[in-house]
């Protein structure tokens, strides 16, 4: 049995995160300002609060840990960007950085550990590949919450299943990273 190709595996999840966020924004952009900011019972309250949390968690907490070994101490509900368009731009830009970061690691890195400190400063050492999987799973979880909120508010939600991205790439003749 061959060992997994972690570069391809995680690059696919990084592409998927950016693809799903872009598709989700197609529906989010149709929300009124009131709907966008309304507390709809999500863990971070509103669609806006949840998107800000994604920016904080994936790109200001986890990305620096994986890219630079830096553990930022920041509250997970911090509002980094108040403006809708600026938040969208930052999420899309940040999502694309993961693919090149993943490509830069030697294959053996995936078998190692990630040593970091939590946002409260507690030292941790976790399996590298599984912790990286958490980052992408986390984004899927919160995008799913947003799709439920959209449906609850009477709006259509886009299909965000990974297989839809793979099918679109196949139709376009795209080659996975």
C-alpha atoms as a PDB file:
ATOM      1  CA  UNK A   1       0.000   0.000   0.000  1.00  0.00           C
ATOM      2  CA  UNK A   2       1.357   3.412  -0.952  1.00  0.00           C
ATOM      3  CA  UNK A   3       1.527   6.205   1.610  1.00  0.00           C
ATOM      4  CA  UNK A   4      -1.037   8.961   1.104  1.00  0.00           C
ATOM      5  CA  UNK A   5      -0.156  11.929  -1.074  1.00  0.00           C
ATOM      6  CA  UNK A   6      -0.735  14.541   1.604  1.00  0.00           C
ATOM      7  CA  UNK A   7       0.155  17.448  -0.675  1.00  0.00           C
ATOM      8  CA  UNK A   8      -2.649  16.582  -3.099  1.00  0.00           C
ATOM      9  CA  UNK A   9      -5.050  15.717  -0.290  1.00  0.00           C
ATOM     10  CA  UNK A  10      -4.648  18.970   1.608  1.00  0.00           C
ATOM     11  CA  UNK A  11      -4.272  21.152  -1.489  1.00  0.00           C
ATOM     12  CA  UNK A  12      -7.677  19.813  -2.564  1.00  0.00           C
ATOM     13  CA  UNK A  13      -9.175  20.828   0.775  1.00  0.00           C
ATOM     14  CA  UNK A  14      -7.555  24.266   0.543  1.00  0.00           C
ATOM     15  CA  UNK A  15      -8.987  24.767  -2.966  1.00  0.00           C
ATOM     16  CA  UNK A  16     -12.327  23.504  -1.728  1.00  0.00           C
ATOM     17  CA  UNK A  17     -12.393  26.021   1.131  1.00  0.00           C
ATOM     18  CA  UNK A  18     -11.798  28.929  -1.256  1.00  0.00           C
ATOM     19  CA  UNK A  19     -14.296  27.542  -3.800  1.00  0.00           C
ATOM     20  CA  UNK A  20     -17.004  26.968  -1.185  1.00  0.00           C
ATOM     21  CA  UNK A  21     -16.517  30.418   0.340  1.00  0.00           C
ATOM     22  CA  UNK A  22     -16.792  32.052  -3.078  1.00  0.00           C
ATOM     23  CA  UNK A  23     -19.998  30.106  -3.865  1.00  0.00           C
ATOM     24  CA  UNK A  24     -21.421  30.909  -0.452  1.00  0.00           C
ATOM     25  CA  UNK A  25     -20.784  34.594  -1.021  1.00  0.00           C
ATOM     26  CA  UNK A  26     -22.992  34.393  -4.116  1.00  0.00           C
ATOM     27  CA  UNK A  27     -25.899  33.900  -1.711  1.00  0.00           C
ATOM     28  CA  UNK A  28     -24.585  36.122   1.091  1.00  0.00           C
ATOM     29  CA  UNK A  29     -24.287  39.069  -1.292  1.00  0.00           C
ATOM     30  CA  UNK A  30     -28.068  38.978  -1.786  1.00  0.00           C
ATOM     31  CA  UNK A  31     -28.740  39.495   1.945  1.00  0.00           C
ATOM     32  CA  UNK A  32     -29.892  42.869   3.149  1.00  0.00           C
ATOM     33  CA  UNK A  33     -27.626  44.607   5.626  1.00  0.00           C
ATOM     34  CA  UNK A  34     -30.102  43.791   8.405  1.00  0.00           C
ATOM     35  CA  UNK A  35     -30.203  40.089   7.482  1.00  0.00           C
ATOM     36  CA  UNK A  36     -26.421  39.946   7.175  1.00  0.00           C
ATOM     37  CA  UNK A  37     -25.905  41.339  10.677  1.00  0.00           C
ATOM     38  CA  UNK A  38     -28.949  39.829  12.438  1.00  0.00           C
ATOM     39  CA  UNK A  39     -28.276  37.403  15.278  1.00  0.00           C
ATOM     40  CA  UNK A  40     -29.736  34.211  13.847  1.00  0.00           C
ATOM     41  CA  UNK A  41     -28.520  31.940  16.622  1.00  0.00           C
ATOM     42  CA  UNK A  42     -25.227  30.877  15.055  1.00  0.00           C
ATOM     43  CA  UNK A  43     -22.322  30.253  17.406  1.00  0.00           C
ATOM     44  CA  UNK A  44     -20.965  33.674  16.428  1.00  0.00           C
ATOM     45  CA  UNK A  45     -24.437  35.202  16.157  1.00  0.00           C
ATOM     46  CA  UNK A  46     -24.813  36.549  12.650  1.00  0.00           C
ATOM     47  CA  UNK A  47     -23.584  35.677   9.178  1.00  0.00           C
ATOM     48  CA  UNK A  48     -21.153  38.585   9.558  1.00  0.00           C
ATOM     49  CA  UNK A  49     -19.947  37.346  12.951  1.00  0.00           C
ATOM     50  CA  UNK A  50     -19.409  33.851  11.584  1.00  0.00           C
ATOM     51  CA  UNK A  51     -17.456  35.106   8.557  1.00  0.00           C
ATOM     52  CA  UNK A  52     -15.276  37.227  10.845  1.00  0.00           C
ATOM     53  CA  UNK A  53     -14.679  34.162  13.008  1.00  0.00           C
ATOM     54  CA  UNK A  54     -13.504  32.252   9.921  1.00  0.00           C
ATOM     55  CA  UNK A  55     -11.047  35.043   9.157  1.00  0.00           C
ATOM     56  CA  UNK A  56      -9.773  35.033  12.739  1.00  0.00           C
ATOM     57  CA  UNK A  57      -9.551  31.268  13.226  1.00  0.00           C
ATOM     58  CA  UNK A  58      -8.300  30.066   9.868  1.00  0.00           C
ATOM     59  CA  UNK A  59      -6.107  32.968   8.874  1.00  0.00           C
ATOM     60  CA  UNK A  60      -4.974  34.758  12.037  1.00  0.00           C
ATOM     61  CA  UNK A  61      -4.762  31.773  14.384  1.00  0.00           C
ATOM     62  CA  UNK A  62      -4.100  28.589  12.395  1.00  0.00           C
ATOM     63  CA  UNK A  63      -2.278  29.918   9.328  1.00  0.00           C
ATOM     64  CA  UNK A  64       0.485  31.630  11.364  1.00  0.00           C
ATOM     65  CA  UNK A  65       0.886  28.469  13.441  1.00  0.00           C
ATOM     66  CA  UNK A  66       1.431  26.329  10.356  1.00  0.00           C
ATOM     67  CA  UNK A  67       3.328  28.897   8.267  1.00  0.00           C
ATOM     68  CA  UNK A  68       5.574  30.584  10.811  1.00  0.00           C
ATOM     69  CA  UNK A  69       5.256  28.762  14.140  1.00  0.00           C
ATOM     70  CA  UNK A  70       3.564  31.857  15.599  1.00  0.00           C
ATOM     71  CA  UNK A  71       0.737  31.522  18.089  1.00  0.00           C
ATOM     72  CA  UNK A  72      -1.357  34.679  18.073  1.00  0.00           C
ATOM     73  CA  UNK A  73      -3.365  35.411  21.170  1.00  0.00           C
ATOM     74  CA  UNK A  74      -6.630  36.713  19.780  1.00  0.00           C
ATOM     75  CA  UNK A  75     -10.235  36.175  20.820  1.00  0.00           C
ATOM     76  CA  UNK A  76     -12.093  33.943  18.379  1.00  0.00           C
ATOM     77  CA  UNK A  77     -14.999  36.410  18.212  1.00  0.00           C
ATOM     78  CA  UNK A  78     -12.813  39.406  17.325  1.00  0.00           C
ATOM     79  CA  UNK A  79     -14.275  41.546  14.563  1.00  0.00           C
ATOM     80  CA  UNK A  80     -11.292  42.031  12.267  1.00  0.00           C
ATOM     81  CA  UNK A  81     -13.275  43.595   9.455  1.00  0.00           C
ATOM     82  CA  UNK A  82     -16.515  45.548   9.825  1.00  0.00           C
ATOM     83  CA  UNK A  83     -17.128  46.198   6.127  1.00  0.00           C
ATOM     84  CA  UNK A  84     -18.756  43.422   4.094  1.00  0.00           C
ATOM     85  CA  UNK A  85     -16.749  43.866   0.897  1.00  0.00           C
ATOM     86  CA  UNK A  86     -13.442  44.109   2.729  1.00  0.00           C
ATOM     87  CA  UNK A  87     -14.216  40.990   4.768  1.00  0.00           C
ATOM     88  CA  UNK A  88     -15.062  39.076   1.600  1.00  0.00           C
ATOM     89  CA  UNK A  89     -11.837  40.198  -0.078  1.00  0.00           C
ATOM     90  CA  UNK A  90      -9.727  39.220   2.935  1.00  0.00           C
ATOM     91  CA  UNK A  91     -11.358  35.782   3.219  1.00  0.00           C
ATOM     92  CA  UNK A  92     -10.856  35.046  -0.475  1.00  0.00           C
ATOM     93  CA  UNK A  93      -7.248  36.237  -0.475  1.00  0.00           C
ATOM     94  CA  UNK A  94      -6.402  34.340   2.692  1.00  0.00           C
ATOM     95  CA  UNK A  95      -8.034  31.142   1.452  1.00  0.00           C
ATOM     96  CA  UNK A  96      -5.744  31.001  -1.572  1.00  0.00           C
ATOM     97  CA  UNK A  97      -2.561  31.248   0.541  1.00  0.00           C
ATOM     98  CA  UNK A  98      -3.048  27.750   1.958  1.00  0.00           C
ATOM     99  CA  UNK A  99      -2.376  25.990  -1.372  1.00  0.00           C
ATOM    100  CA  UNK A 100       1.127  27.430  -1.780  1.00  0.00           C
ATOM    101  CA  UNK A 101       1.922  26.879   1.898  1.00  0.00           C
ATOM    102  CA  UNK A 102       0.962  23.205   1.658  1.00  0.00           C
ATOM    103  CA  UNK A 103       3.065  22.784  -1.491  1.00  0.00           C
ATOM    104  CA  UNK A 104       6.101  24.200   0.322  1.00  0.00           C
ATOM    105  CA  UNK A 105       6.269  21.448   2.946  1.00  0.00           C
ATOM    106  CA  UNK A 106       8.384  18.320   2.523  1.00  0.00           C
ATOM    107  CA  UNK A 107       6.312  15.114   2.555  1.00  0.00           C
ATOM    108  CA  UNK A 108       7.691  14.042   5.939  1.00  0.00           C
ATOM    109  CA  UNK A 109       6.275  17.191   7.564  1.00  0.00           C
ATOM    110  CA  UNK A 110       2.784  15.672   7.492  1.00  0.00           C
ATOM    111  CA  UNK A 111       3.924  12.826   9.782  1.00  0.00           C
ATOM    112  CA  UNK A 112       5.257  15.262  12.398  1.00  0.00           C
ATOM    113  CA  UNK A 113       3.638  17.368  15.061  1.00  0.00           C
ATOM    114  CA  UNK A 114       2.475  20.942  15.269  1.00  0.00           C
ATOM    115  CA  UNK A 115       3.770  22.614  18.410  1.00  0.00           C
ATOM    116  CA  UNK A 116       1.941  25.811  19.305  1.00  0.00           C
ATOM    117  CA  UNK A 117       0.225  27.696  22.105  1.00  0.00           C
ATOM    118  CA  UNK A 118      -3.549  28.085  22.287  1.00  0.00           C
ATOM    119  CA  UNK A 119      -5.127  31.525  22.109  1.00  0.00           C
ATOM    120  CA  UNK A 120      -4.957  31.466  25.918  1.00  0.00           C
ATOM    121  CA  UNK A 121      -1.238  30.644  25.854  1.00  0.00           C
ATOM    122  CA  UNK A 122      -1.419  26.920  26.771  1.00  0.00           C
ATOM    123  CA  UNK A 123       1.318  24.875  25.032  1.00  0.00           C
ATOM    124  CA  UNK A 124       0.078  22.110  22.714  1.00  0.00           C
ATOM    125  CA  UNK A 125       1.648  19.452  20.529  1.00  0.00           C
ATOM    126  CA  UNK A 126      -0.726  17.708  18.118  1.00  0.00           C
ATOM    127  CA  UNK A 127      -0.351  15.476  15.057  1.00  0.00           C
ATOM    128  CA  UNK A 128       0.407  17.776  12.121  1.00  0.00           C
ATOM    129  CA  UNK A 129      -1.796  16.219   9.400  1.00  0.00           C
ATOM    130  CA  UNK A 130      -4.846  15.695  11.606  1.00  0.00           C
ATOM    131  CA  UNK A 131      -4.595  19.214  12.994  1.00  0.00           C
ATOM    132  CA  UNK A 132      -4.387  20.582   9.449  1.00  0.00           C
ATOM    133  CA  UNK A 133      -7.495  18.538   8.617  1.00  0.00           C
ATOM    134  CA  UNK A 134      -9.202  20.276  11.543  1.00  0.00           C
ATOM    135  CA  UNK A 135      -8.593  23.682   9.928  1.00  0.00           C
ATOM    136  CA  UNK A 136     -10.448  22.703   6.767  1.00  0.00           C
ATOM    137  CA  UNK A 137     -13.149  20.798   8.634  1.00  0.00           C
ATOM    138  CA  UNK A 138     -13.713  23.873  10.812  1.00  0.00           C
ATOM    139  CA  UNK A 139     -14.389  26.033   7.755  1.00  0.00           C
ATOM    140  CA  UNK A 140     -16.830  23.472   6.381  1.00  0.00           C
ATOM    141  CA  UNK A 141     -18.666  23.447   9.718  1.00  0.00           C
ATOM    142  CA  UNK A 142     -19.152  27.210   9.831  1.00  0.00           C
ATOM    143  CA  UNK A 143     -20.065  27.521   6.145  1.00  0.00           C
ATOM    144  CA  UNK A 144     -22.705  24.879   6.862  1.00  0.00           C
ATOM    145  CA  UNK A 145     -24.058  27.014   9.688  1.00  0.00           C
ATOM    146  CA  UNK A 146     -24.324  29.951   7.302  1.00  0.00           C
ATOM    147  CA  UNK A 147     -26.208  27.873   4.727  1.00  0.00           C
ATOM    148  CA  UNK A 148     -28.683  26.860   7.445  1.00  0.00           C
ATOM    149  CA  UNK A 149     -29.117  30.525   8.393  1.00  0.00           C
ATOM    150  CA  UNK A 150     -29.711  31.479   4.755  1.00  0.00           C
ATOM    151  CA  UNK A 151     -32.379  28.803   4.438  1.00  0.00           C
ATOM    152  CA  UNK A 152     -33.965  29.876   7.720  1.00  0.00           C
ATOM    153  CA  UNK A 153     -34.168  33.462   6.432  1.00  0.00           C
ATOM    154  CA  UNK A 154     -35.919  32.240   3.265  1.00  0.00           C
ATOM    155  CA  UNK A 155     -32.950  32.441   0.892  1.00  0.00           C
ATOM    156  CA  UNK A 156     -31.530  29.760  -1.356  1.00  0.00           C
ATOM    157  CA  UNK A 157     -28.242  28.173  -0.376  1.00  0.00           C
ATOM    158  CA  UNK A 158     -25.670  26.981  -2.877  1.00  0.00           C
ATOM    159  CA  UNK A 159     -24.545  23.377  -3.086  1.00  0.00           C
ATOM    160  CA  UNK A 160     -21.218  23.287  -1.267  1.00  0.00           C
ATOM    161  CA  UNK A 161     -20.420  19.578  -1.296  1.00  0.00           C
ATOM    162  CA  UNK A 162     -16.793  18.845  -2.186  1.00  0.00           C
ATOM    163  CA  UNK A 163     -17.903  16.536  -4.976  1.00  0.00           C
ATOM    164  CA  UNK A 164     -19.510  19.510  -6.789  1.00  0.00           C
ATOM    165  CA  UNK A 165     -16.134  21.266  -6.892  1.00  0.00           C
ATOM    166  CA  UNK A 166     -14.443  18.094  -8.152  1.00  0.00           C
ATOM    167  CA  UNK A 167     -17.105  17.691 -10.850  1.00  0.00           C
ATOM    168  CA  UNK A 168     -16.702  21.340 -11.910  1.00  0.00           C
ATOM    169  CA  UNK A 169     -12.931  20.936 -12.086  1.00  0.00           C
ATOM    170  CA  UNK A 170     -13.356  17.757 -14.136  1.00  0.00           C
ATOM    171  CA  UNK A 171     -15.713  19.491 -16.586  1.00  0.00           C
ATOM    172  CA  UNK A 172     -13.248  22.377 -16.917  1.00  0.00           C
ATOM    173  CA  UNK A 173     -10.367  19.986 -17.491  1.00  0.00           C
ATOM    174  CA  UNK A 174      -8.618  21.297 -14.382  1.00  0.00           C
ATOM    175  CA  UNK A 175      -5.897  19.174 -12.907  1.00  0.00           C
ATOM    176  CA  UNK A 176      -5.819  18.826  -9.123  1.00  0.00           C
ATOM    177  CA  UNK A 177      -2.833  20.402  -7.370  1.00  0.00           C
END
